[in-house]
Amino acid sequence: MHGLGNDFVVIDATDRPLPLTAEQIRHIADRRRGVGCDQLLLVERSQRPDCLFRYRIYNADGGEVDQCGNGARCFARFVRARGLTVAVEIPVYTAAGRLNLTVNEDDSVTVDMGRPKLIPAQIPFQADRQAPDYALSVDGRTYTIGAVSLGNPHAVLRVGSVDEAPVTSLGAAIETHPRFPARVNVGFMQVLEPRRIRLRVFERGAGETQACGSGACAAVVVGRVQGLLEETVTAELTGGNLVVSWRGGNEPVLMTGPATFVFEGTIEL
């Protein structure tokens, strides 16, 4: 499946546990020797009475992560297509907590991403105090970033043009910056107008992807905190557009976008 080109292998593990090793996940994600994907998603039975499923996410490098917004939209459509539920409102839980997924009439999916975390220690990010932006030294140069967590940590840089931004080199350098002890996803945001941005994201453990749902939400939160954006924003990513809404304060971030089936198959490991 894919969400705006951010692609996933989705596996139904509701019948029995599926303990995949990091090596097996890397093999599945390999675009030449496996299936190929940015992330692998596991659908598991819920152990919580307030959720229908457990949603687990693994990056292409084999590491498990807490959150993936594009994957959440694919997850919602997958469980309905497989007949695992007929619900249109699908509560699931992840390592980052509970998510509410809503399948709309046009088959787009709205994800309640929860409240953004802006306190540095909760991101986690090393800073003396919470601020709208921070100075970050990388290879002898200083960059201004915003920092937020939406179940996973994000650094957001405002750039004049995403086409000219050094996404691969600077993204990789910031991903492993020591001030982000859990590594970080890096967004390069170009503000076109208060209700529209362009965005490229370098994801930790995956590199640049066609789209990043939590990255789009992070960019809008940072843009709102910095006074640049309005409540509802269209984020234009390489793979397509997402609509993100955040009222501010302790309100949740809502993200709406498509989720698409590509093919089904089997693999022996």
C-alpha atoms as a PDB file:
ATOM      1  CA  MET A   1       0.000   0.000   0.000  1.00  0.00           C
ATOM      2  CA  HIS A   2       1.033   3.616  -0.185  1.00  0.00           C
ATOM      3  CA  GLY A   3      -0.032   6.943   1.230  1.00  0.00           C
ATOM      4  CA  LEU A   4       1.013   9.615  -1.274  1.00  0.00           C
ATOM      5  CA  GLY A   5       3.973   7.478  -2.344  1.00  0.00           C
ATOM      6  CA  ASN A   6       5.142   6.656   1.197  1.00  0.00           C
ATOM      7  CA  ASP A   7       4.918   2.884   0.737  1.00  0.00           C
ATOM      8  CA  PHE A   8       4.237   0.052   3.151  1.00  0.00           C
ATOM      9  CA  VAL A   9       4.141  -3.701   3.422  1.00  0.00           C
ATOM     10  CA  VAL A  10       1.104  -4.402   5.617  1.00  0.00           C
ATOM     11  CA  ILE A  11       0.772  -7.803   7.282  1.00  0.00           C
ATOM     12  CA  ASP A  12      -2.260  -9.273   9.050  1.00  0.00           C
ATOM     13  CA  ALA A  13      -0.931 -10.773  12.272  1.00  0.00           C
ATOM     14  CA  THR A  14      -4.283 -11.074  14.038  1.00  0.00           C
ATOM     15  CA  ASP A  15      -4.462 -14.892  13.724  1.00  0.00           C
ATOM     16  CA  ARG A  16      -1.097 -15.585  15.353  1.00  0.00           C
ATOM     17  CA  PRO A  17       1.913 -13.667  16.658  1.00  0.00           C
ATOM     18  CA  LEU A  18       4.502 -12.760  14.030  1.00  0.00           C
ATOM     19  CA  PRO A  19       7.882 -12.148  15.706  1.00  0.00           C
ATOM     20  CA  LEU A  20       9.921 -10.713  12.845  1.00  0.00           C
ATOM     21  CA  THR A  21      13.637 -10.114  13.316  1.00  0.00           C
ATOM     22  CA  ALA A  22      15.342  -6.889  12.222  1.00  0.00           C
ATOM     23  CA  GLU A  23      17.147  -8.902   9.534  1.00  0.00           C
ATOM     24  CA  GLN A  24      13.841 -10.223   8.155  1.00  0.00           C
ATOM     25  CA  ILE A  25      12.336  -6.731   8.113  1.00  0.00           C
ATOM     26  CA  ARG A  26      15.352  -5.357   6.265  1.00  0.00           C
ATOM     27  CA  HIS A  27      14.994  -8.191   3.726  1.00  0.00           C
ATOM     28  CA  ILE A  28      11.293  -7.457   3.138  1.00  0.00           C
ATOM     29  CA  ALA A  29      12.038  -3.730   2.778  1.00  0.00           C
ATOM     30  CA  ASP A  30      14.867  -4.308   0.279  1.00  0.00           C
ATOM     31  CA  ARG A  31      13.649  -2.986  -3.085  1.00  0.00           C
ATOM     32  CA  ARG A  32      15.938  -5.298  -5.064  1.00  0.00           C
ATOM     33  CA  ARG A  33      15.923  -8.549  -3.107  1.00  0.00           C
ATOM     34  CA  GLY A  34      12.690  -8.337  -1.117  1.00  0.00           C
ATOM     35  CA  VAL A  35       9.345  -6.610  -1.626  1.00  0.00           C
ATOM     36  CA  GLY A  36      10.454  -3.025  -1.029  1.00  0.00           C
ATOM     37  CA  CYS A  37       8.931  -0.457   1.314  1.00  0.00           C
ATOM     38  CA  ASP A  38       9.626   2.558   3.514  1.00  0.00           C
ATOM     39  CA  GLN A  39       7.985   0.899   6.519  1.00  0.00           C
ATOM     40  CA  LEU A  40       6.482  -2.454   7.459  1.00  0.00           C
ATOM     41  CA  LEU A  41       3.173  -2.371   9.347  1.00  0.00           C
ATOM     42  CA  LEU A  42       1.804  -5.167  11.536  1.00  0.00           C
ATOM     43  CA  VAL A  43      -1.906  -5.505  12.358  1.00  0.00           C
ATOM     44  CA  GLU A  44      -2.225  -7.277  15.710  1.00  0.00           C
ATOM     45  CA  ARG A  45      -5.090  -8.140  18.024  1.00  0.00           C
ATOM     46  CA  SER A  46      -5.796  -5.535  20.651  1.00  0.00           C
ATOM     47  CA  GLN A  47      -5.045  -6.243  24.300  1.00  0.00           C
ATOM     48  CA  ARG A  48      -6.924  -3.096  25.292  1.00  0.00           C
ATOM     49  CA  PRO A  49     -10.732  -2.871  25.621  1.00  0.00           C
ATOM     50  CA  ASP A  50     -10.816   0.682  24.200  1.00  0.00           C
ATOM     51  CA  CYS A  51      -9.059  -0.238  20.915  1.00  0.00           C
ATOM     52  CA  LEU A  52      -9.887  -2.559  18.029  1.00  0.00           C
ATOM     53  CA  PHE A  53      -6.286  -3.319  17.027  1.00  0.00           C
ATOM     54  CA  ARG A  54      -2.644  -2.835  17.888  1.00  0.00           C
ATOM     55  CA  TYR A  55      -0.691  -0.960  15.207  1.00  0.00           C
ATOM     56  CA  ARG A  56       3.065  -1.637  15.012  1.00  0.00           C
ATOM     57  CA  ILE A  57       5.506   0.162  12.706  1.00  0.00           C
ATOM     58  CA  TYR A  58       8.987  -0.865  11.608  1.00  0.00           C
ATOM     59  CA  ASN A  59      11.342   1.272   9.538  1.00  0.00           C
ATOM     60  CA  ALA A  60      13.265  -0.149   6.592  1.00  0.00           C
ATOM     61  CA  ASP A  61      16.351  -0.502   8.789  1.00  0.00           C
ATOM     62  CA  GLY A  62      14.487  -2.981  11.013  1.00  0.00           C
ATOM     63  CA  GLY A  63      13.943  -0.675  13.973  1.00  0.00           C
ATOM     64  CA  GLU A  64      10.498  -0.312  15.555  1.00  0.00           C
ATOM     65  CA  VAL A  65       9.123   3.231  15.803  1.00  0.00           C
ATOM     66  CA  ASP A  66       6.203   4.774  17.628  1.00  0.00           C
ATOM     67  CA  GLN A  67       4.204   6.560  14.955  1.00  0.00           C
ATOM     68  CA  CYS A  68       3.513   6.850  11.220  1.00  0.00           C
ATOM     69  CA  GLY A  69       0.602   8.964  10.007  1.00  0.00           C
ATOM     70  CA  ASN A  70       0.614   7.794   6.382  1.00  0.00           C
ATOM     71  CA  GLY A  71       0.793   4.225   7.612  1.00  0.00           C
ATOM     72  CA  ALA A  72      -2.167   4.809   9.917  1.00  0.00           C
ATOM     73  CA  ARG A  73      -4.350   5.734   6.945  1.00  0.00           C
ATOM     74  CA  CYS A  74      -3.284   2.570   5.112  1.00  0.00           C
ATOM     75  CA  PHE A  75      -3.886   0.565   8.290  1.00  0.00           C
ATOM     76  CA  ALA A  76      -7.488   1.800   8.492  1.00  0.00           C
ATOM     77  CA  ARG A  77      -8.312   0.876   4.897  1.00  0.00           C
ATOM     78  CA  PHE A  78      -6.496  -2.463   5.184  1.00  0.00           C
ATOM     79  CA  VAL A  79      -8.445  -3.767   8.173  1.00  0.00           C
ATOM     80  CA  ARG A  80     -11.748  -2.923   6.486  1.00  0.00           C
ATOM     81  CA  ALA A  81     -10.719  -4.445   3.127  1.00  0.00           C
ATOM     82  CA  ARG A  82      -9.592  -7.650   4.872  1.00  0.00           C
ATOM     83  CA  GLY A  83     -12.911  -7.910   6.697  1.00  0.00           C
ATOM     84  CA  LEU A  84     -11.271  -7.523  10.103  1.00  0.00           C
ATOM     85  CA  THR A  85     -13.785  -4.803  10.998  1.00  0.00           C
ATOM     86  CA  VAL A  86     -16.720  -2.952   9.434  1.00  0.00           C
ATOM     87  CA  ALA A  87     -16.248   0.081  11.658  1.00  0.00           C
ATOM     88  CA  VAL A  88     -15.605   3.466  10.053  1.00  0.00           C
ATOM     89  CA  GLU A  89     -14.176   4.843  13.305  1.00  0.00           C
ATOM     90  CA  ILE A  90     -11.244   2.629  14.266  1.00  0.00           C
ATOM     91  CA  PRO A  91      -9.386   3.203  17.541  1.00  0.00           C
ATOM     92  CA  VAL A  92      -5.937   1.571  17.606  1.00  0.00           C
ATOM     93  CA  TYR A  93      -2.993   1.746  19.957  1.00  0.00           C
ATOM     94  CA  THR A  94       0.672   2.176  19.162  1.00  0.00           C
ATOM     95  CA  ALA A  95       3.858   2.452  21.182  1.00  0.00           C
ATOM     96  CA  ALA A  96       3.051   6.178  21.362  1.00  0.00           C
ATOM     97  CA  GLY A  97      -0.496   5.675  22.650  1.00  0.00           C
ATOM     98  CA  ARG A  98      -4.022   5.621  21.252  1.00  0.00           C
ATOM     99  CA  LEU A  99      -4.923   6.775  17.725  1.00  0.00           C
ATOM    100  CA  ASN A 100      -8.401   7.350  16.305  1.00  0.00           C
ATOM    101  CA  LEU A 101      -8.787   6.608  12.580  1.00  0.00           C
ATOM    102  CA  THR A 102     -11.884   7.581  10.576  1.00  0.00           C
ATOM    103  CA  VAL A 103     -12.575   6.253   7.068  1.00  0.00           C
ATOM    104  CA  ASN A 104     -14.481   8.907   5.109  1.00  0.00           C
ATOM    105  CA  GLU A 105     -17.072   8.350   2.368  1.00  0.00           C
ATOM    106  CA  ASP A 106     -14.518   9.068  -0.374  1.00  0.00           C
ATOM    107  CA  ASP A 107     -12.138   6.456   1.150  1.00  0.00           C
ATOM    108  CA  SER A 108      -9.793   9.130   2.433  1.00  0.00           C
ATOM    109  CA  VAL A 109      -8.835   8.662   6.077  1.00  0.00           C
ATOM    110  CA  THR A 110      -8.695  11.217   8.884  1.00  0.00           C
ATOM    111  CA  VAL A 111      -6.215  10.465  11.647  1.00  0.00           C
ATOM    112  CA  ASP A 112      -6.487  12.040  15.080  1.00  0.00           C
ATOM    113  CA  MET A 113      -2.764  12.343  15.774  1.00  0.00           C
ATOM    114  CA  GLY A 114      -3.265  13.439  19.375  1.00  0.00           C
ATOM    115  CA  ARG A 115      -1.798  16.458  21.119  1.00  0.00           C
ATOM    116  CA  PRO A 116       1.619  17.628  19.953  1.00  0.00           C
ATOM    117  CA  LYS A 117       4.396  17.633  22.538  1.00  0.00           C
ATOM    118  CA  LEU A 118       6.457  20.814  22.532  1.00  0.00           C
ATOM    119  CA  ILE A 119       8.304  20.477  25.845  1.00  0.00           C
ATOM    120  CA  PRO A 120      11.906  19.565  24.892  1.00  0.00           C
ATOM    121  CA  ALA A 121      12.279  16.673  27.352  1.00  0.00           C
ATOM    122  CA  GLN A 122       9.126  15.039  25.945  1.00  0.00           C
ATOM    123  CA  ILE A 123      10.282  15.183  22.302  1.00  0.00           C
ATOM    124  CA  PRO A 124      13.104  14.290  23.316  1.00  0.00           C
ATOM    125  CA  PHE A 125      15.354  17.261  22.514  1.00  0.00           C
ATOM    126  CA  GLN A 126      18.108  18.820  24.582  1.00  0.00           C
ATOM    127  CA  ALA A 127      17.275  22.462  25.276  1.00  0.00           C
ATOM    128  CA  ASP A 128      17.233  24.677  28.373  1.00  0.00           C
ATOM    129  CA  ARG A 129      13.622  25.765  27.819  1.00  0.00           C
ATOM    130  CA  GLN A 130      10.687  25.485  25.445  1.00  0.00           C
ATOM    131  CA  ALA A 131      10.762  28.011  22.593  1.00  0.00           C
ATOM    132  CA  PRO A 132       9.112  28.541  19.182  1.00  0.00           C
ATOM    133  CA  ASP A 133      12.502  27.927  17.543  1.00  0.00           C
ATOM    134  CA  TYR A 134      15.997  26.806  18.444  1.00  0.00           C
ATOM    135  CA  ALA A 135      19.517  27.339  17.110  1.00  0.00           C
ATOM    136  CA  LEU A 136      21.147  24.078  16.048  1.00  0.00           C
ATOM    137  CA  SER A 137      24.822  23.827  15.114  1.00  0.00           C
ATOM    138  CA  VAL A 138      25.573  21.352  12.319  1.00  0.00           C
ATOM    139  CA  ASP A 139      29.040  20.941  10.815  1.00  0.00           C
ATOM    140  CA  GLY A 140      30.065  24.444  11.807  1.00  0.00           C
ATOM    141  CA  ARG A 141      26.882  26.150  10.589  1.00  0.00           C
ATOM    142  CA  THR A 142      23.900  27.268  12.666  1.00  0.00           C
ATOM    143  CA  TYR A 143      20.338  26.507  11.569  1.00  0.00           C
ATOM    144  CA  THR A 144      17.032  27.622  13.070  1.00  0.00           C
ATOM    145  CA  ILE A 145      14.633  24.756  13.728  1.00  0.00           C
ATOM    146  CA  GLY A 146      11.342  24.069  15.423  1.00  0.00           C
ATOM    147  CA  ALA A 147      11.004  20.848  17.440  1.00  0.00           C
ATOM    148  CA  VAL A 148       7.907  18.795  18.271  1.00  0.00           C
ATOM    149  CA  SER A 149       6.809  15.232  18.911  1.00  0.00           C
ATOM    150  CA  LEU A 150       3.676  13.639  17.464  1.00  0.00           C
ATOM    151  CA  GLY A 151       4.492  10.209  18.814  1.00  0.00           C
ATOM    152  CA  ASN A 152       7.860  10.525  17.087  1.00  0.00           C
ATOM    153  CA  PRO A 153      10.359  13.410  17.199  1.00  0.00           C
ATOM    154  CA  HIS A 154      10.513  16.027  14.428  1.00  0.00           C
ATOM    155  CA  ALA A 155      12.811  18.913  13.606  1.00  0.00           C
ATOM    156  CA  VAL A 156      11.364  21.427  11.129  1.00  0.00           C
ATOM    157  CA  LEU A 157      13.461  23.926   9.145  1.00  0.00           C
ATOM    158  CA  ARG A 158      11.929  26.767   7.183  1.00  0.00           C
ATOM    159  CA  VAL A 159      13.552  27.062   3.732  1.00  0.00           C
ATOM    160  CA  GLY A 160      13.137  29.408   0.798  1.00  0.00           C
ATOM    161  CA  SER A 161      12.710  26.547  -1.664  1.00  0.00           C
ATOM    162  CA  VAL A 162      12.272  22.834  -0.974  1.00  0.00           C
ATOM    163  CA  ASP A 163      13.624  22.155  -4.460  1.00  0.00           C
ATOM    164  CA  GLU A 164      16.988  23.638  -3.504  1.00  0.00           C
ATOM    165  CA  ALA A 165      17.115  22.406   0.107  1.00  0.00           C
ATOM    166  CA  PRO A 166      19.959  19.941   0.965  1.00  0.00           C
ATOM    167  CA  VAL A 167      17.483  17.331   2.182  1.00  0.00           C
ATOM    168  CA  THR A 168      19.738  14.282   1.953  1.00  0.00           C
ATOM    169  CA  SER A 169      22.948  15.700   3.420  1.00  0.00           C
ATOM    170  CA  LEU A 170      21.510  18.054   6.034  1.00  0.00           C
ATOM    171  CA  GLY A 171      18.655  15.688   6.860  1.00  0.00           C
ATOM    172  CA  ALA A 172      21.102  12.874   7.613  1.00  0.00           C
ATOM    173  CA  ALA A 173      23.266  15.164   9.750  1.00  0.00           C
ATOM    174  CA  ILE A 174      20.337  16.410  11.837  1.00  0.00           C
ATOM    175  CA  GLU A 175      18.753  12.938  12.134  1.00  0.00           C
ATOM    176  CA  THR A 176      21.683  11.782  14.280  1.00  0.00           C
ATOM    177  CA  HIS A 177      22.436  15.093  16.010  1.00  0.00           C
ATOM    178  CA  PRO A 178      23.371  14.495  19.665  1.00  0.00           C
ATOM    179  CA  ARG A 179      20.710  16.933  20.878  1.00  0.00           C
ATOM    180  CA  PHE A 180      18.103  14.433  19.619  1.00  0.00           C
ATOM    181  CA  PRO A 181      18.942  11.333  21.708  1.00  0.00           C
ATOM    182  CA  ALA A 182      16.283   9.182  19.967  1.00  0.00           C
ATOM    183  CA  ARG A 183      17.258  10.516  16.509  1.00  0.00           C
ATOM    184  CA  VAL A 184      14.762  12.692  14.641  1.00  0.00           C
ATOM    185  CA  ASN A 185      12.711  13.105  11.468  1.00  0.00           C
ATOM    186  CA  VAL A 186      13.710  16.262   9.605  1.00  0.00           C
ATOM    187  CA  GLY A 187      11.208  18.412   7.707  1.00  0.00           C
ATOM    188  CA  PHE A 188      12.125  21.126   5.194  1.00  0.00           C
ATOM    189  CA  MET A 189       9.154  23.521   5.013  1.00  0.00           C
ATOM    190  CA  GLN A 190       8.522  26.230   2.418  1.00  0.00           C
ATOM    191  CA  VAL A 191       5.641  28.528   3.406  1.00  0.00           C
ATOM    192  CA  LEU A 192       3.705  29.530   0.283  1.00  0.00           C
ATOM    193  CA  GLU A 193       0.887  31.285   2.153  1.00  0.00           C
ATOM    194  CA  PRO A 194      -0.725  30.931   5.609  1.00  0.00           C
ATOM    195  CA  ARG A 195      -2.907  28.032   4.414  1.00  0.00           C
ATOM    196  CA  ARG A 196      -0.415  26.271   2.130  1.00  0.00           C
ATOM    197  CA  ILE A 197       3.095  24.867   2.490  1.00  0.00           C
ATOM    198  CA  ARG A 198       5.474  22.679   0.514  1.00  0.00           C
ATOM    199  CA  LEU A 199       7.358  20.029   2.440  1.00  0.00           C
ATOM    200  CA  ARG A 200      10.092  17.419   2.052  1.00  0.00           C
ATOM    201  CA  VAL A 201      10.914  15.046   4.906  1.00  0.00           C
ATOM    202  CA  PHE A 202      14.014  13.024   5.716  1.00  0.00           C
ATOM    203  CA  GLU A 203      12.720  10.213   7.930  1.00  0.00           C
ATOM    204  CA  ARG A 204      14.890   8.560  10.553  1.00  0.00           C
ATOM    205  CA  GLY A 205      15.776   5.044   9.488  1.00  0.00           C
ATOM    206  CA  ALA A 206      14.290   5.469   6.001  1.00  0.00           C
ATOM    207  CA  GLY A 207      15.787   8.571   4.350  1.00  0.00           C
ATOM    208  CA  GLU A 208      13.694  10.936   2.251  1.00  0.00           C
ATOM    209  CA  THR A 209      10.228   9.573   1.490  1.00  0.00           C
ATOM    210  CA  GLN A 210       7.528  10.686  -0.934  1.00  0.00           C
ATOM    211  CA  ALA A 211       5.362  11.812   1.968  1.00  0.00           C
ATOM    212  CA  CYS A 212       5.362  11.781   5.766  1.00  0.00           C
ATOM    213  CA  GLY A 213       2.053  12.233   7.551  1.00  0.00           C
ATOM    214  CA  SER A 214       3.424  12.955  11.001  1.00  0.00           C
ATOM    215  CA  GLY A 215       6.020  15.201   9.322  1.00  0.00           C
ATOM    216  CA  ALA A 216       3.254  17.253   7.700  1.00  0.00           C
ATOM    217  CA  CYS A 217       1.537  17.571  11.081  1.00  0.00           C
ATOM    218  CA  ALA A 218       4.803  18.572  12.725  1.00  0.00           C
ATOM    219  CA  ALA A 219       5.440  21.252  10.107  1.00  0.00           C
ATOM    220  CA  VAL A 220       1.977  22.746  10.606  1.00  0.00           C
ATOM    221  CA  VAL A 221       2.354  22.731  14.403  1.00  0.00           C
ATOM    222  CA  VAL A 222       5.739  24.463  14.186  1.00  0.00           C
ATOM    223  CA  GLY A 223       4.399  26.943  11.632  1.00  0.00           C
ATOM    224  CA  ARG A 224       1.438  27.706  13.890  1.00  0.00           C
ATOM    225  CA  VAL A 225       3.628  28.129  16.982  1.00  0.00           C
ATOM    226  CA  GLN A 226       5.857  30.503  15.018  1.00  0.00           C
ATOM    227  CA  GLY A 227       2.838  32.533  13.874  1.00  0.00           C
ATOM    228  CA  LEU A 228       3.221  31.657  10.190  1.00  0.00           C
ATOM    229  CA  LEU A 229       0.203  29.449   9.496  1.00  0.00           C
ATOM    230  CA  GLU A 230      -3.560  29.359   9.944  1.00  0.00           C
ATOM    231  CA  GLU A 231      -5.627  26.630  11.593  1.00  0.00           C
ATOM    232  CA  THR A 232      -6.121  24.449   8.487  1.00  0.00           C
ATOM    233  CA  VAL A 233      -3.243  23.998   6.052  1.00  0.00           C
ATOM    234  CA  THR A 234      -2.705  22.049   2.835  1.00  0.00           C
ATOM    235  CA  ALA A 235       0.727  20.423   2.877  1.00  0.00           C
ATOM    236  CA  GLU A 236       2.086  19.736  -0.600  1.00  0.00           C
ATOM    237  CA  LEU A 237       4.499  16.802  -0.468  1.00  0.00           C
ATOM    238  CA  THR A 238       6.365  15.064  -3.271  1.00  0.00           C
ATOM    239  CA  GLY A 239       3.734  12.308  -3.418  1.00  0.00           C
ATOM    240  CA  GLY A 240       0.650  14.544  -3.114  1.00  0.00           C
ATOM    241  CA  ASN A 241      -1.311  16.677  -0.668  1.00  0.00           C
ATOM    242  CA  LEU A 242      -2.437  16.289   2.933  1.00  0.00           C
ATOM    243  CA  VAL A 243      -4.804  18.539   4.869  1.00  0.00           C
ATOM    244  CA  VAL A 244      -3.745  19.230   8.460  1.00  0.00           C
ATOM    245  CA  SER A 245      -5.768  21.089  11.103  1.00  0.00           C
ATOM    246  CA  TRP A 246      -4.683  22.231  14.565  1.00  0.00           C
ATOM    247  CA  ARG A 247      -6.503  24.733  16.735  1.00  0.00           C
ATOM    248  CA  GLY A 248      -3.512  25.113  19.021  1.00  0.00           C
ATOM    249  CA  GLY A 249      -3.033  24.578  22.732  1.00  0.00           C
ATOM    250  CA  ASN A 250      -4.038  21.136  23.986  1.00  0.00           C
ATOM    251  CA  GLU A 251      -6.190  20.367  20.950  1.00  0.00           C
ATOM    252  CA  PRO A 252      -5.362  17.294  18.825  1.00  0.00           C
ATOM    253  CA  VAL A 253      -3.857  17.496  15.347  1.00  0.00           C
ATOM    254  CA  LEU A 254      -6.100  16.124  12.571  1.00  0.00           C
ATOM    255  CA  MET A 255      -4.656  14.860   9.286  1.00  0.00           C
ATOM    256  CA  THR A 256      -6.687  13.817   6.220  1.00  0.00           C
ATOM    257  CA  GLY A 257      -5.389  12.126   3.091  1.00  0.00           C
ATOM    258  CA  PRO A 258      -5.607   9.091   0.801  1.00  0.00           C
ATOM    259  CA  ALA A 259      -4.477   5.479   1.222  1.00  0.00           C
ATOM    260  CA  THR A 260      -4.023   3.250  -1.822  1.00  0.00           C
ATOM    261  CA  PHE A 261      -3.729  -0.503  -2.421  1.00  0.00           C
ATOM    262  CA  VAL A 262      -0.972  -1.574  -4.841  1.00  0.00           C
ATOM    263  CA  PHE A 263      -0.776  -5.388  -4.764  1.00  0.00           C
ATOM    264  CA  GLU A 264      -1.046  -8.475  -2.565  1.00  0.00           C
ATOM    265  CA  GLY A 265       1.325 -11.415  -2.396  1.00  0.00           C
ATOM    266  CA  THR A 266       3.204 -13.898  -0.250  1.00  0.00           C
ATOM    267  CA  ILE A 267       6.841 -14.150   0.781  1.00  0.00           C
ATOM    268  CA  GLU A 268       8.869 -16.965   2.372  1.00  0.00           C
ATOM    269  CA  LEU A 269      11.336 -15.950   5.078  1.00  0.00           C
END
